[in-house]
Amino acid sequence: MKRPELITASFLAELDKHVLDIVSGREEVFHEIQHFADMLCVHPVHLSNTVKEVTGMAPCQHCESKLAVEAKKSLHFLN
């Protein structure tokens, strides 16, 4: 796997974990891109540019998308 793909895969894996922590209540505050970049030992701009280059979506779009999926699951569960 090339470095950009590795960075992107690592970001998406950490994002998945964090979203589950948010949904389960283990975390109350959603991490900024800076936090994910620090975890991956890259600059936040590099992380953003790399994720967008590899996936066609900015990191914030991935965050919003994953949160929307979880919100839909929660709404479905309530019905």
Protein backbone atom coordinates (compact mmCIF):
# COMPACT_ATOMS: atom_id res chain seq x y z
CA MET A 1 0.00 0.00 0.00
CA LYS A 2 1.34 3.43 -0.90
CA ARG A 3 1.74 6.10 1.78
CA PRO A 4 -1.33 8.20 0.76
CA GLU A 5 -3.56 5.12 0.84
CA LEU A 6 -2.08 4.07 4.19
CA ILE A 7 -2.70 7.52 5.70
CA THR A 8 -6.27 7.50 4.37
CA ALA A 9 -7.01 3.97 5.59
CA SER A 10 -5.60 4.82 9.02
CA PHE A 11 -7.66 8.01 9.21
CA LEU A 12 -10.86 6.18 8.25
CA ALA A 13 -10.18 3.42 10.79
CA GLU A 14 -9.57 5.94 13.57
CA LEU A 15 -12.65 7.87 12.50
CA ASP A 16 -14.77 4.71 12.69
CA LYS A 17 -13.49 4.04 16.22
CA HIS A 18 -14.17 7.60 17.29
CA VAL A 19 -17.69 7.63 15.87
CA LEU A 20 -18.45 4.44 17.82
CA ASP A 21 -17.05 6.10 20.96
CA ILE A 22 -19.33 9.10 20.38
CA VAL A 23 -22.39 6.94 19.76
CA SER A 24 -21.72 4.75 22.79
CA GLY A 25 -21.18 7.77 25.04
CA ARG A 26 -17.52 7.02 25.80
CA GLU A 27 -16.65 10.37 24.18
CA GLU A 28 -18.70 13.55 24.31
CA VAL A 29 -16.71 15.84 22.03
CA PHE A 30 -16.00 15.13 18.37
CA HIS A 31 -12.30 15.35 17.54
CA GLU A 32 -10.95 18.00 15.21
CA ILE A 33 -8.86 17.04 12.17
CA GLN A 34 -5.82 18.21 14.17
CA HIS A 35 -6.38 15.35 16.63
CA PHE A 36 -6.49 12.74 13.87
CA ALA A 37 -3.42 14.26 12.24
CA ASP A 38 -1.54 14.12 15.55
CA MET A 39 -2.50 10.46 15.95
CA LEU A 40 -1.14 9.71 12.48
CA CYS A 41 1.96 11.91 12.91
CA VAL A 42 1.16 14.09 9.89
CA HIS A 43 0.34 17.75 9.43
CA PRO A 44 -3.43 18.47 9.36
CA VAL A 45 -3.18 20.08 5.91
CA HIS A 46 -1.33 17.03 4.61
CA LEU A 47 -4.00 14.76 6.10
CA SER A 48 -6.79 16.79 4.52
CA ASN A 49 -5.11 16.95 1.13
CA THR A 50 -4.22 13.26 1.16
CA VAL A 51 -7.68 12.04 2.17
CA LYS A 52 -9.30 14.26 -0.45
CA GLU A 53 -6.83 13.10 -3.13
CA VAL A 54 -7.41 9.41 -2.36
CA THR A 55 -11.18 9.42 -1.73
CA GLY A 56 -12.46 12.51 -3.49
CA MET A 57 -13.94 13.69 -0.19
CA ALA A 58 -12.51 15.98 2.48
CA PRO A 59 -12.06 14.51 5.97
CA CYS A 60 -14.91 16.65 7.31
CA GLN A 61 -17.21 15.12 4.67
CA HIS A 62 -16.27 11.65 5.90
CA CYS A 63 -17.04 12.74 9.47
CA GLU A 64 -20.41 14.18 8.52
CA SER A 65 -21.30 11.13 6.46
CA LYS A 66 -20.49 8.68 9.24
CA LEU A 67 -22.39 10.75 11.80
CA ALA A 68 -25.40 10.92 9.47
CA VAL A 69 -25.39 7.12 9.12
CA GLU A 70 -25.32 6.70 12.90
CA ALA A 71 -28.09 9.29 13.34
CA LYS A 72 -30.26 7.39 10.85
CA LYS A 73 -29.61 4.15 12.74
CA SER A 74 -30.65 5.83 15.99
CA LEU A 75 -33.83 7.21 14.44
CA HIS A 76 -34.68 3.82 12.98
CA PHE A 77 -34.12 2.22 16.38
CA LEU A 78 -36.55 4.69 18.01
CA ASN A 79 -39.32 3.87 15.55
